[in-house]
Amino acid sequence: MTLKDLIPTGARRKVYAIFALVGLTLSSFQVGFSAADAGQPVWLNVAFAVFGLWATAVGFTARSNAFETPETFDATLKRAAQEAKTAYPVVPPHEPTKADPERYEGDYGRNRRLNP
């Protein structure tokens, strides 16, 4: 059983979004304290240490749930062309068909009523 089975996709998305906002908030505090030349408080050092530890776990979880990179358009087109070659085989040349002379040369078409 994987984490993917335990936590539904919607919940994982919320966790990833909250985690990103926490990282943005912590970084904003650090930039603010640095710009004010006030020194970095201890709570911010501790928060970054804990955040860094959790970032590894959340990052690996997010990566394990990510889909593979889709093909480029050219690769998709090339693959589709190869599949089409086998799906719709080309018929080899054949003898020309012979028309039914009675049908085309007789009175079959001319004397037939459209609505009998």
PDB file of N, CA and C in Angstrom:
ATOM      1  N   MET A   1       0.851  -1.174   0.000  1.00  0.00           N
ATOM      2  CA  MET A   1       0.000   0.000   0.000  1.00  0.00           C
ATOM      3  C   MET A   1       0.899   1.240   0.000  1.00  0.00           C
ATOM      4  N   THR A   2       0.592   2.162  -0.889  1.00  0.00           N
ATOM      5  CA  THR A   2       1.387   3.380  -0.992  1.00  0.00           C
ATOM      6  C   THR A   2       0.637   4.552  -0.375  1.00  0.00           C
ATOM      7  N   LEU A   3       1.339   5.649  -0.237  1.00  0.00           N
ATOM      8  CA  LEU A   3       0.720   6.859   0.288  1.00  0.00           C
ATOM      9  C   LEU A   3      -0.398   7.333  -0.641  1.00  0.00           C
ATOM     10  N   LYS A   4      -0.229   7.019  -1.909  1.00  0.00           N
ATOM     11  CA  LYS A   4      -1.237   7.366  -2.904  1.00  0.00           C
ATOM     12  C   LYS A   4      -2.571   6.687  -2.594  1.00  0.00           C
ATOM     13  N   ASP A   5      -2.496   5.463  -2.046  1.00  0.00           N
ATOM     14  CA  ASP A   5      -3.713   4.733  -1.688  1.00  0.00           C
ATOM     15  C   ASP A   5      -4.323   5.253  -0.392  1.00  0.00           C
ATOM     16  N   LEU A   6      -3.487   5.748   0.511  1.00  0.00           N
ATOM     17  CA  LEU A   6      -3.967   6.193   1.817  1.00  0.00           C
ATOM     18  C   LEU A   6      -4.585   7.585   1.783  1.00  0.00           C
ATOM     19  N   ILE A   7      -3.982   8.475   1.017  1.00  0.00           N
ATOM     20  CA  ILE A   7      -4.449   9.864   0.979  1.00  0.00           C
ATOM     21  C   ILE A   7      -5.023  10.152  -0.408  1.00  0.00           C
ATOM     22  N   PRO A   8      -6.277  10.560  -0.496  1.00  0.00           N
ATOM     23  CA  PRO A   8      -6.883  10.843  -1.796  1.00  0.00           C
ATOM     24  C   PRO A   8      -6.178  12.000  -2.517  1.00  0.00           C
ATOM     25  N   THR A   9      -6.332  12.049  -3.809  1.00  0.00           N
ATOM     26  CA  THR A   9      -5.660  13.056  -4.629  1.00  0.00           C
ATOM     27  C   THR A   9      -6.010  14.476  -4.205  1.00  0.00           C
ATOM     28  N   GLY A  10      -7.277  14.733  -3.942  1.00  0.00           N
ATOM     29  CA  GLY A  10      -7.695  16.077  -3.532  1.00  0.00           C
ATOM     30  C   GLY A  10      -7.014  16.526  -2.254  1.00  0.00           C
ATOM     31  N   ALA A  11      -6.885  15.614  -1.297  1.00  0.00           N
ATOM     32  CA  ALA A  11      -6.230  15.951  -0.033  1.00  0.00           C
ATOM     33  C   ALA A  11      -4.744  16.205  -0.243  1.00  0.00           C
ATOM     34  N   ARG A  12      -4.107  15.402  -1.086  1.00  0.00           N
ATOM     35  CA  ARG A  12      -2.678  15.610  -1.365  1.00  0.00           C
ATOM     36  C   ARG A  12      -2.446  16.966  -2.018  1.00  0.00           C
ATOM     37  N   ARG A  13      -3.321  17.352  -2.918  1.00  0.00           N
ATOM     38  CA  ARG A  13      -3.178  18.662  -3.563  1.00  0.00           C
ATOM     39  C   ARG A  13      -3.252  19.785  -2.534  1.00  0.00           C
ATOM     40  N   LYS A  14      -4.167  19.663  -1.589  1.00  0.00           N
ATOM     41  CA  LYS A  14      -4.287  20.686  -0.537  1.00  0.00           C
ATOM     42  C   LYS A  14      -3.031  20.730   0.317  1.00  0.00           C
ATOM     43  N   VAL A  15      -2.499  19.554   0.656  1.00  0.00           N
ATOM     44  CA  VAL A  15      -1.272  19.503   1.462  1.00  0.00           C
ATOM     45  C   VAL A  15      -0.129  20.171   0.714  1.00  0.00           C
ATOM     46  N   TYR A  16       0.004  19.896  -0.569  1.00  0.00           N
ATOM     47  CA  TYR A  16       1.089  20.488  -1.357  1.00  0.00           C
ATOM     48  C   TYR A  16       0.914  22.007  -1.441  1.00  0.00           C
ATOM     49  N   ALA A  17      -0.308  22.472  -1.618  1.00  0.00           N
ATOM     50  CA  ALA A  17      -0.559  23.914  -1.706  1.00  0.00           C
ATOM     51  C   ALA A  17      -0.254  24.601  -0.374  1.00  0.00           C
ATOM     52  N   ILE A  18      -0.701  24.011   0.728  1.00  0.00           N
ATOM     53  CA  ILE A  18      -0.425  24.587   2.049  1.00  0.00           C
ATOM     54  C   ILE A  18       1.075  24.601   2.311  1.00  0.00           C
ATOM     55  N   PHE A  19       1.737  23.522   1.939  1.00  0.00           N
ATOM     56  CA  PHE A  19       3.184  23.441   2.150  1.00  0.00           C
ATOM     57  C   PHE A  19       3.910  24.529   1.358  1.00  0.00           C
ATOM     58  N   ALA A  20       3.477  24.776   0.140  1.00  0.00           N
ATOM     59  CA  ALA A  20       4.083  25.830  -0.669  1.00  0.00           C
ATOM     60  C   ALA A  20       3.847  27.203  -0.049  1.00  0.00           C
ATOM     61  N   LEU A  21       2.654  27.443   0.475  1.00  0.00           N
ATOM     62  CA  LEU A  21       2.357  28.723   1.123  1.00  0.00           C
ATOM     63  C   LEU A  21       3.173  28.916   2.392  1.00  0.00           C
ATOM     64  N   VAL A  22       3.378  27.857   3.167  1.00  0.00           N
ATOM     65  CA  VAL A  22       4.217  27.943   4.369  1.00  0.00           C
ATOM     66  C   VAL A  22       5.646  28.309   3.975  1.00  0.00           C
ATOM     67  N   GLY A  23       6.166  27.674   2.935  1.00  0.00           N
ATOM     68  CA  GLY A  23       7.514  27.992   2.465  1.00  0.00           C
ATOM     69  C   GLY A  23       7.624  29.428   2.000  1.00  0.00           C
ATOM     70  N   LEU A  24       6.615  29.916   1.281  1.00  0.00           N
ATOM     71  CA  LEU A  24       6.612  31.297   0.828  1.00  0.00           C
ATOM     72  C   LEU A  24       6.557  32.265   2.006  1.00  0.00           C
ATOM     73  N   THR A  25       5.754  31.935   3.000  1.00  0.00           N
ATOM     74  CA  THR A  25       5.637  32.790   4.188  1.00  0.00           C
ATOM     75  C   THR A  25       6.951  32.844   4.958  1.00  0.00           C
ATOM     76  N   LEU A  26       7.563  31.682   5.185  1.00  0.00           N
ATOM     77  CA  LEU A  26       8.846  31.662   5.905  1.00  0.00           C
ATOM     78  C   LEU A  26       9.915  32.451   5.147  1.00  0.00           C
ATOM     79  N   SER A  27       9.970  32.269   3.842  1.00  0.00           N
ATOM     80  CA  SER A  27      10.952  33.002   3.039  1.00  0.00           C
ATOM     81  C   SER A  27      10.708  34.506   3.090  1.00  0.00           C
ATOM     82  N   SER A  28       9.424  34.889   3.100  1.00  0.00           N
ATOM     83  CA  SER A  28       9.090  36.315   3.184  1.00  0.00           C
ATOM     84  C   SER A  28       9.548  36.902   4.517  1.00  0.00           C
ATOM     85  N   PHE A  29       9.344  36.174   5.607  1.00  0.00           N
ATOM     86  CA  PHE A  29       9.825  36.640   6.913  1.00  0.00           C
ATOM     87  C   PHE A  29      11.344  36.793   6.912  1.00  0.00           C
ATOM     88  N   GLN A  30      12.026  35.832   6.329  1.00  0.00           N
ATOM     89  CA  GLN A  30      13.486  35.895   6.307  1.00  0.00           C
ATOM     90  C   GLN A  30      13.967  37.104   5.499  1.00  0.00           C
ATOM     91  N   VAL A  31      13.350  37.349   4.337  1.00  0.00           N
ATOM     92  CA  VAL A  31      13.724  38.503   3.530  1.00  0.00           C
ATOM     93  C   VAL A  31      13.426  39.799   4.280  1.00  0.00           C
ATOM     94  N   GLY A  32      12.289  39.836   4.965  1.00  0.00           N
ATOM     95  CA  GLY A  32      11.918  41.038   5.727  1.00  0.00           C
ATOM     96  C   GLY A  32      12.911  41.337   6.845  1.00  0.00           C
ATOM     97  N   PHE A  33      13.275  40.319   7.623  1.00  0.00           N
ATOM     98  CA  PHE A  33      14.241  40.532   8.708  1.00  0.00           C
ATOM     99  C   PHE A  33      15.606  40.924   8.147  1.00  0.00           C
ATOM    100  N   SER A  34      15.963  40.338   7.017  1.00  0.00           N
ATOM    101  CA  SER A  34      17.249  40.653   6.407  1.00  0.00           C
ATOM    102  C   SER A  34      17.261  42.085   5.874  1.00  0.00           C
ATOM    103  N   ALA A  35      16.166  42.517   5.263  1.00  0.00           N
ATOM    104  CA  ALA A  35      16.084  43.875   4.726  1.00  0.00           C
ATOM    105  C   ALA A  35      16.110  44.911   5.847  1.00  0.00           C
ATOM    106  N   ALA A  36      15.510  44.562   6.975  1.00  0.00           N
ATOM    107  CA  ALA A  36      15.493  45.482   8.113  1.00  0.00           C
ATOM    108  C   ALA A  36      16.806  45.443   8.889  1.00  0.00           C
ATOM    109  N   ASP A  37      17.688  44.530   8.520  1.00  0.00           N
ATOM    110  CA  ASP A  37      18.972  44.346   9.199  1.00  0.00           C
ATOM    111  C   ASP A  37      18.753  44.161  10.705  1.00  0.00           C
ATOM    112  N   ALA A  38      17.699  43.389  11.028  1.00  0.00           N
ATOM    113  CA  ALA A  38      17.322  43.182  12.424  1.00  0.00           C
ATOM    114  C   ALA A  38      17.850  41.861  12.973  1.00  0.00           C
ATOM    115  N   GLY A  39      18.503  41.085  12.150  1.00  0.00           N
ATOM    116  CA  GLY A  39      18.944  39.768  12.605  1.00  0.00           C
ATOM    117  C   GLY A  39      17.788  38.781  12.514  1.00  0.00           C
ATOM    118  N   GLN A  40      18.124  37.543  12.346  1.00  0.00           N
ATOM    119  CA  GLN A  40      17.092  36.518  12.176  1.00  0.00           C
ATOM    120  C   GLN A  40      16.746  35.912  13.530  1.00  0.00           C
ATOM    121  N   PRO A  41      15.456  35.914  13.907  1.00  0.00           N
ATOM    122  CA  PRO A  41      15.073  35.363  15.213  1.00  0.00           C
ATOM    123  C   PRO A  41      15.248  33.839  15.268  1.00  0.00           C
ATOM    124  N   VAL A  42      15.334  33.319  16.485  1.00  0.00           N
ATOM    125  CA  VAL A  42      15.540  31.892  16.691  1.00  0.00           C
ATOM    126  C   VAL A  42      14.371  31.082  16.129  1.00  0.00           C
ATOM    127  N   TRP A  43      13.139  31.547  16.333  1.00  0.00           N
ATOM    128  CA  TRP A  43      11.982  30.789  15.854  1.00  0.00           C
ATOM    129  C   TRP A  43      12.039  30.594  14.341  1.00  0.00           C
ATOM    130  N   LEU A  44      12.589  31.589  13.605  1.00  0.00           N
ATOM    131  CA  LEU A  44      12.679  31.467  12.158  1.00  0.00           C
ATOM    132  C   LEU A  44      13.751  30.451  11.768  1.00  0.00           C
ATOM    133  N   ASN A  45      14.848  30.407  12.510  1.00  0.00           N
ATOM    134  CA  ASN A  45      15.879  29.382  12.261  1.00  0.00           C
ATOM    135  C   ASN A  45      15.312  27.984  12.473  1.00  0.00           C
ATOM    136  N   VAL A  46      14.570  27.818  13.573  1.00  0.00           N
ATOM    137  CA  VAL A  46      13.974  26.513  13.868  1.00  0.00           C
ATOM    138  C   VAL A  46      12.946  26.152  12.799  1.00  0.00           C
ATOM    139  N   ALA A  47      12.123  27.119  12.393  1.00  0.00           N
ATOM    140  CA  ALA A  47      11.095  26.859  11.381  1.00  0.00           C
ATOM    141  C   ALA A  47      11.726  26.425  10.062  1.00  0.00           C
ATOM    142  N   PHE A  48      12.824  27.070   9.659  1.00  0.00           N
ATOM    143  CA  PHE A  48      13.490  26.666   8.415  1.00  0.00           C
ATOM    144  C   PHE A  48      14.116  25.286   8.523  1.00  0.00           C
ATOM    145  N   ALA A  49      14.624  24.927   9.694  1.00  0.00           N
ATOM    146  CA  ALA A  49      15.203  23.590   9.864  1.00  0.00           C
ATOM    147  C   ALA A  49      14.121  22.522   9.730  1.00  0.00           C
ATOM    148  N   VAL A  50      12.985  22.745  10.381  1.00  0.00           N
ATOM    149  CA  VAL A  50      11.879  21.782  10.304  1.00  0.00           C
ATOM    150  C   VAL A  50      11.295  21.755   8.891  1.00  0.00           C
ATOM    151  N   PHE A  51      11.146  22.922   8.290  1.00  0.00           N
ATOM    152  CA  PHE A  51      10.603  22.998   6.937  1.00  0.00           C
ATOM    153  C   PHE A  51      11.499  22.252   5.954  1.00  0.00           C
ATOM    154  N   GLY A  52      12.795  22.398   6.087  1.00  0.00           N
ATOM    155  CA  GLY A  52      13.730  21.700   5.208  1.00  0.00           C
ATOM    156  C   GLY A  52      13.617  20.197   5.332  1.00  0.00           C
ATOM    157  N   LEU A  53      13.447  19.705   6.544  1.00  0.00           N
ATOM    158  CA  LEU A  53      13.280  18.270   6.761  1.00  0.00           C
ATOM    159  C   LEU A  53      12.000  17.767   6.087  1.00  0.00           C
ATOM    160  N   TRP A  54      10.907  18.481   6.302  1.00  0.00           N
ATOM    161  CA  TRP A  54       9.632  18.075   5.715  1.00  0.00           C
ATOM    162  C   TRP A  54       9.603  18.279   4.208  1.00  0.00           C
ATOM    163  N   ALA A  55      10.374  19.238   3.702  1.00  0.00           N
ATOM    164  CA  ALA A  55      10.393  19.499   2.262  1.00  0.00           C
ATOM    165  C   ALA A  55      10.879  18.277   1.494  1.00  0.00           C
ATOM    166  N   THR A  56      11.834  17.562   2.062  1.00  0.00           N
ATOM    167  CA  THR A  56      12.335  16.367   1.401  1.00  0.00           C
ATOM    168  C   THR A  56      11.237  15.319   1.282  1.00  0.00           C
ATOM    169  N   ALA A  57      10.533  15.074   2.350  1.00  0.00           N
ATOM    170  CA  ALA A  57       9.470  14.060   2.342  1.00  0.00           C
ATOM    171  C   ALA A  57       8.335  14.453   1.400  1.00  0.00           C
ATOM    172  N   VAL A  58       7.914  15.706   1.488  1.00  0.00           N
ATOM    173  CA  VAL A  58       6.811  16.158   0.637  1.00  0.00           C
ATOM    174  C   VAL A  58       7.241  16.158  -0.828  1.00  0.00           C
ATOM    175  N   GLY A  59       8.462  16.549  -1.095  1.00  0.00           N
ATOM    176  CA  GLY A  59       8.953  16.560  -2.477  1.00  0.00           C
ATOM    177  C   GLY A  59       9.011  15.170  -3.077  1.00  0.00           C
ATOM    178  N   PHE A  60       9.527  14.204  -2.311  1.00  0.00           N
ATOM    179  CA  PHE A  60       9.569  12.832  -2.823  1.00  0.00           C
ATOM    180  C   PHE A  60       8.165  12.268  -3.036  1.00  0.00           C
ATOM    181  N   THR A  61       7.245  12.596  -2.133  1.00  0.00           N
ATOM    182  CA  THR A  61       5.865  12.128  -2.290  1.00  0.00           C
ATOM    183  C   THR A  61       5.227  12.738  -3.534  1.00  0.00           C
ATOM    184  N   ALA A  62       5.431  14.016  -3.730  1.00  0.00           N
ATOM    185  CA  ALA A  62       4.870  14.680  -4.909  1.00  0.00           C
ATOM    186  C   ALA A  62       5.469  14.096  -6.183  1.00  0.00           C
ATOM    187  N   ARG A  63       6.761  13.841  -6.178  1.00  0.00           N
ATOM    188  CA  ARG A  63       7.421  13.290  -7.369  1.00  0.00           C
ATOM    189  C   ARG A  63       6.926  11.872  -7.666  1.00  0.00           C
ATOM    190  N   SER A  64       6.705  11.093  -6.644  1.00  0.00           N
ATOM    191  CA  SER A  64       6.253   9.721  -6.883  1.00  0.00           C
ATOM    192  C   SER A  64       4.833   9.676  -7.434  1.00  0.00           C
ATOM    193  N   ASN A  65       4.078  10.740  -7.245  1.00  0.00           N
ATOM    194  CA  ASN A  65       2.705  10.798  -7.757  1.00  0.00           C
ATOM    195  C   ASN A  65       2.606  11.553  -9.071  1.00  0.00           C
ATOM    196  N   ALA A  66       3.720  12.027  -9.582  1.00  0.00           N
ATOM    197  CA  ALA A  66       3.703  12.799 -10.826  1.00  0.00           C
ATOM    198  C   ALA A  66       3.659  11.856 -12.020  1.00  0.00           C
ATOM    199  N   PHE A  67       3.023  12.318 -13.076  1.00  0.00           N
ATOM    200  CA  PHE A  67       2.953  11.546 -14.303  1.00  0.00           C
ATOM    201  C   PHE A  67       4.233  11.743 -15.096  1.00  0.00           C
ATOM    202  N   GLU A  68       4.479  10.818 -16.003  1.00  0.00           N
ATOM    203  CA  GLU A  68       5.642  10.947 -16.872  1.00  0.00           C
ATOM    204  C   GLU A  68       5.438  12.123 -17.826  1.00  0.00           C
ATOM    205  N   THR A  69       6.515  12.677 -18.311  1.00  0.00           N
ATOM    206  CA  THR A  69       6.455  13.795 -19.240  1.00  0.00           C
ATOM    207  C   THR A  69       5.793  13.342 -20.540  1.00  0.00           C
ATOM    208  N   PRO A  70       4.798  14.085 -21.000  1.00  0.00           N
ATOM    209  CA  PRO A  70       4.132  13.682 -22.237  1.00  0.00           C
ATOM    210  C   PRO A  70       5.069  13.829 -23.437  1.00  0.00           C
ATOM    211  N   GLU A  71       4.746  13.106 -24.477  1.00  0.00           N
ATOM    212  CA  GLU A  71       5.535  13.171 -25.695  1.00  0.00           C
ATOM    213  C   GLU A  71       5.399  14.543 -26.349  1.00  0.00           C
ATOM    214  N   THR A  72       6.381  14.874 -27.154  1.00  0.00           N
ATOM    215  CA  THR A  72       6.245  16.083 -27.962  1.00  0.00           C
ATOM    216  C   THR A  72       5.245  15.798 -29.080  1.00  0.00           C
ATOM    217  N   PHE A  73       4.799  16.840 -29.730  1.00  0.00           N
ATOM    218  CA  PHE A  73       3.822  16.668 -30.798  1.00  0.00           C
ATOM    219  C   PHE A  73       4.394  15.813 -31.920  1.00  0.00           C
ATOM    220  N   ASP A  74       5.655  16.069 -32.284  1.00  0.00           N
ATOM    221  CA  ASP A  74       6.276  15.300 -33.369  1.00  0.00           C
ATOM    222  C   ASP A  74       6.373  13.820 -33.031  1.00  0.00           C
ATOM    223  N   ALA A  75       6.737  13.512 -31.780  1.00  0.00           N
ATOM    224  CA  ALA A  75       6.838  12.109 -31.377  1.00  0.00           C
ATOM    225  C   ALA A  75       5.464  11.443 -31.392  1.00  0.00           C
ATOM    226  N   THR A  76       4.443  12.169 -30.947  1.00  0.00           N
ATOM    227  CA  THR A  76       3.084  11.631 -30.956  1.00  0.00           C
ATOM    228  C   THR A  76       2.617  11.371 -32.385  1.00  0.00           C
ATOM    229  N   LEU A  77       2.910  12.313 -33.270  1.00  0.00           N
ATOM    230  CA  LEU A  77       2.516  12.165 -34.669  1.00  0.00           C
ATOM    231  C   LEU A  77       3.228  10.981 -35.313  1.00  0.00           C
ATOM    232  N   LYS A  78       4.501  10.820 -35.021  1.00  0.00           N
ATOM    233  CA  LYS A  78       5.272   9.712 -35.585  1.00  0.00           C
ATOM    234  C   LYS A  78       4.740   8.364 -35.088  1.00  0.00           C
ATOM    235  N   ARG A  79       4.438   8.287 -33.781  1.00  0.00           N
ATOM    236  CA  ARG A  79       3.902   7.054 -33.207  1.00  0.00           C
ATOM    237  C   ARG A  79       2.535   6.736 -33.804  1.00  0.00           C
ATOM    238  N   ALA A  80       1.703   7.750 -33.973  1.00  0.00           N
ATOM    239  CA  ALA A  80       0.365   7.532 -34.546  1.00  0.00           C
ATOM    240  C   ALA A  80       0.466   7.053 -35.991  1.00  0.00           C
ATOM    241  N   ALA A  81       1.432   7.584 -36.733  1.00  0.00           N
ATOM    242  CA  ALA A  81       1.609   7.146 -38.117  1.00  0.00           C
ATOM    243  C   ALA A  81       2.054   5.690 -38.169  1.00  0.00           C
ATOM    244  N   GLN A  82       2.925   5.288 -37.257  1.00  0.00           N
ATOM    245  CA  GLN A  82       3.371   3.895 -37.227  1.00  0.00           C
ATOM    246  C   GLN A  82       2.216   2.961 -36.869  1.00  0.00           C
ATOM    247  N   GLU A  83       1.386   3.383 -35.912  1.00  0.00           N
ATOM    248  CA  GLU A  83       0.239   2.555 -35.521  1.00  0.00           C
ATOM    249  C   GLU A  83      -0.781   2.475 -36.651  1.00  0.00           C
ATOM    250  N   ALA A  84      -0.936   3.554 -37.395  1.00  0.00           N
ATOM    251  CA  ALA A  84      -1.908   3.563 -38.496  1.00  0.00           C
ATOM    252  C   ALA A  84      -1.478   2.628 -39.614  1.00  0.00           C
ATOM    253  N   LYS A  85      -0.170   2.487 -39.816  1.00  0.00           N
ATOM    254  CA  LYS A  85       0.309   1.586 -40.870  1.00  0.00           C
ATOM    255  C   LYS A  85      -0.132   0.151 -40.616  1.00  0.00           C
ATOM    256  N   THR A  86      -0.136  -0.258 -39.368  1.00  0.00           N
ATOM    257  CA  THR A  86      -0.551  -1.626 -39.062  1.00  0.00           C
ATOM    258  C   THR A  86      -2.063  -1.744 -38.928  1.00  0.00           C
ATOM    259  N   ALA A  87      -2.727  -0.652 -38.576  1.00  0.00           N
ATOM    260  CA  ALA A  87      -4.174  -0.705 -38.389  1.00  0.00           C
ATOM    261  C   ALA A  87      -4.927  -0.710 -39.716  1.00  0.00           C
ATOM    262  N   TYR A  88      -4.374  -0.039 -40.719  1.00  0.00           N
ATOM    263  CA  TYR A  88      -5.017   0.047 -42.019  1.00  0.00           C
ATOM    264  C   TYR A  88      -4.036  -0.439 -43.089  1.00  0.00           C
ATOM    265  N   PRO A  89      -3.940  -1.749 -43.262  1.00  0.00           N
ATOM    266  CA  PRO A  89      -2.972  -2.258 -44.246  1.00  0.00           C
ATOM    267  C   PRO A  89      -3.373  -1.868 -45.672  1.00  0.00           C
ATOM    268  N   VAL A  90      -2.375  -1.643 -46.486  1.00  0.00           N
ATOM    269  CA  VAL A  90      -2.606  -1.288 -47.881  1.00  0.00           C
ATOM    270  C   VAL A  90      -2.896  -2.566 -48.652  1.00  0.00           C
ATOM    271  N   VAL A  91      -3.944  -2.532 -49.460  1.00  0.00           N
ATOM    272  CA  VAL A  91      -4.334  -3.697 -50.254  1.00  0.00           C
ATOM    273  C   VAL A  91      -3.376  -3.814 -51.435  1.00  0.00           C
ATOM    274  N   PRO A  92      -2.873  -5.006 -51.705  1.00  0.00           N
ATOM    275  CA  PRO A  92      -1.966  -5.154 -52.844  1.00  0.00           C
ATOM    276  C   PRO A  92      -2.724  -4.964 -54.165  1.00  0.00           C
ATOM    277  N   PRO A  93      -2.001  -4.689 -55.258  1.00  0.00           N
ATOM    278  CA  PRO A  93      -2.668  -4.502 -56.554  1.00  0.00           C
ATOM    279  C   PRO A  93      -3.458  -5.751 -56.944  1.00  0.00           C
ATOM    280  N   HIS A  94      -4.550  -5.555 -57.651  1.00  0.00           N
ATOM    281  CA  HIS A  94      -5.396  -6.686 -58.063  1.00  0.00           C
ATOM    282  C   HIS A  94      -5.870  -6.465 -59.504  1.00  0.00           C
ATOM    283  N   GLU A  95      -6.464  -7.492 -60.053  1.00  0.00           N
ATOM    284  CA  GLU A  95      -6.989  -7.419 -61.411  1.00  0.00           C
ATOM    285  C   GLU A  95      -8.136  -6.413 -61.450  1.00  0.00           C
ATOM    286  N   PRO A  96      -8.252  -5.667 -62.527  1.00  0.00           N
ATOM    287  CA  PRO A  96      -9.393  -4.759 -62.620  1.00  0.00           C
ATOM    288  C   PRO A  96     -10.692  -5.565 -62.661  1.00  0.00           C
ATOM    289  N   THR A  97     -11.711  -5.038 -62.062  1.00  0.00           N
ATOM    290  CA  THR A  97     -13.001  -5.734 -62.070  1.00  0.00           C
ATOM    291  C   THR A  97     -13.674  -5.570 -63.424  1.00  0.00           C
ATOM    292  N   LYS A  98     -14.451  -6.547 -63.793  1.00  0.00           N
ATOM    293  CA  LYS A  98     -15.153  -6.493 -65.071  1.00  0.00           C
ATOM    294  C   LYS A  98     -16.601  -6.136 -64.801  1.00  0.00           C
ATOM    295  N   ALA A  99     -17.085  -5.156 -65.546  1.00  0.00           N
ATOM    296  CA  ALA A  99     -18.462  -4.717 -65.372  1.00  0.00           C
ATOM    297  C   ALA A  99     -19.420  -5.738 -65.973  1.00  0.00           C
ATOM    298  N   ASP A 100     -20.599  -5.781 -65.430  1.00  0.00           N
ATOM    299  CA  ASP A 100     -21.644  -6.651 -65.951  1.00  0.00           C
ATOM    300  C   ASP A 100     -22.204  -5.978 -67.208  1.00  0.00           C
ATOM    301  N   PRO A 101     -21.868  -6.524 -68.400  1.00  0.00           N
ATOM    302  CA  PRO A 101     -22.283  -5.844 -69.630  1.00  0.00           C
ATOM    303  C   PRO A 101     -23.797  -5.717 -69.749  1.00  0.00           C
ATOM    304  N   GLU A 102     -24.528  -6.683 -69.256  1.00  0.00           N
ATOM    305  CA  GLU A 102     -25.980  -6.631 -69.370  1.00  0.00           C
ATOM    306  C   GLU A 102     -26.544  -5.471 -68.556  1.00  0.00           C
ATOM    307  N   ARG A 103     -25.919  -5.197 -67.440  1.00  0.00           N
ATOM    308  CA  ARG A 103     -26.404  -4.142 -66.561  1.00  0.00           C
ATOM    309  C   ARG A 103     -26.150  -2.769 -67.161  1.00  0.00           C
ATOM    310  N   TYR A 104     -25.023  -2.572 -67.802  1.00  0.00           N
ATOM    311  CA  TYR A 104     -24.677  -1.252 -68.295  1.00  0.00           C
ATOM    312  C   TYR A 104     -25.005  -1.038 -69.766  1.00  0.00           C
ATOM    313  N   GLU A 105     -25.115  -2.100 -70.516  1.00  0.00           N
ATOM    314  CA  GLU A 105     -25.379  -1.936 -71.940  1.00  0.00           C
ATOM    315  C   GLU A 105     -26.829  -2.224 -72.308  1.00  0.00           C
ATOM    316  N   GLY A 106     -27.566  -2.840 -71.427  1.00  0.00           N
ATOM    317  CA  GLY A 106     -28.947  -3.195 -71.745  1.00  0.00           C
ATOM    318  C   GLY A 106     -29.918  -2.114 -71.328  1.00  0.00           C
ATOM    319  N   ASP A 107     -31.183  -2.466 -71.255  1.00  0.00           N
ATOM    320  CA  ASP A 107     -32.234  -1.538 -70.876  1.00  0.00           C
ATOM    321  C   ASP A 107     -32.485  -1.533 -69.367  1.00  0.00           C
ATOM    322  N   TYR A 108     -31.602  -2.122 -68.619  1.00  0.00           N
ATOM    323  CA  TYR A 108     -31.811  -2.267 -67.179  1.00  0.00           C
ATOM    324  C   TYR A 108     -31.993  -0.906 -66.507  1.00  0.00           C
ATOM    325  N   GLY A 109     -31.140   0.024 -66.777  1.00  0.00           N
ATOM    326  CA  GLY A 109     -31.201   1.308 -66.106  1.00  0.00           C
ATOM    327  C   GLY A 109     -32.179   2.273 -66.718  1.00  0.00           C
ATOM    328  N   ARG A 110     -32.370   2.217 -68.034  1.00  0.00           N
ATOM    329  CA  ARG A 110     -33.217   3.189 -68.713  1.00  0.00           C
ATOM    330  C   ARG A 110     -34.699   2.925 -68.497  1.00  0.00           C
ATOM    331  N   ASN A 111     -35.123   1.676 -68.484  1.00  0.00           N
ATOM    332  CA  ASN A 111     -36.542   1.364 -68.408  1.00  0.00           C
ATOM    333  C   ASN A 111     -37.032   1.120 -66.992  1.00  0.00           C
ATOM    334  N   ARG A 112     -36.202   1.237 -66.053  1.00  0.00           N
ATOM    335  CA  ARG A 112     -36.590   0.982 -64.655  1.00  0.00           C
ATOM    336  C   ARG A 112     -37.217   2.213 -64.045  1.00  0.00           C
ATOM    337  N   ARG A 113     -38.334   2.049 -63.374  1.00  0.00           N
ATOM    338  CA  ARG A 113     -39.004   3.171 -62.722  1.00  0.00           C
ATOM    339  C   ARG A 113     -38.330   3.439 -61.389  1.00  0.00           C
ATOM    340  N   LEU A 114     -38.314   4.720 -61.009  1.00  0.00           N
ATOM    341  CA  LEU A 114     -37.705   5.083 -59.729  1.00  0.00           C
ATOM    342  C   LEU A 114     -38.614   4.727 -58.566  1.00  0.00           C
ATOM    343  N   ASN A 115     -39.908   4.912 -58.713  1.00  0.00           N
ATOM    344  CA  ASN A 115     -40.867   4.604 -57.648  1.00  0.00           C
ATOM    345  C   ASN A 115     -41.887   3.588 -58.146  1.00  0.00           C
ATOM    346  N   PRO A 116     -41.622   2.322 -58.059  1.00  0.00           N
ATOM    347  CA  PRO A 116     -42.557   1.318 -58.586  1.00  0.00           C
ATOM    348  C   PRO A 116     -43.859   1.269 -57.815  1.00  0.00           C
TER     349      PRO A 116
END
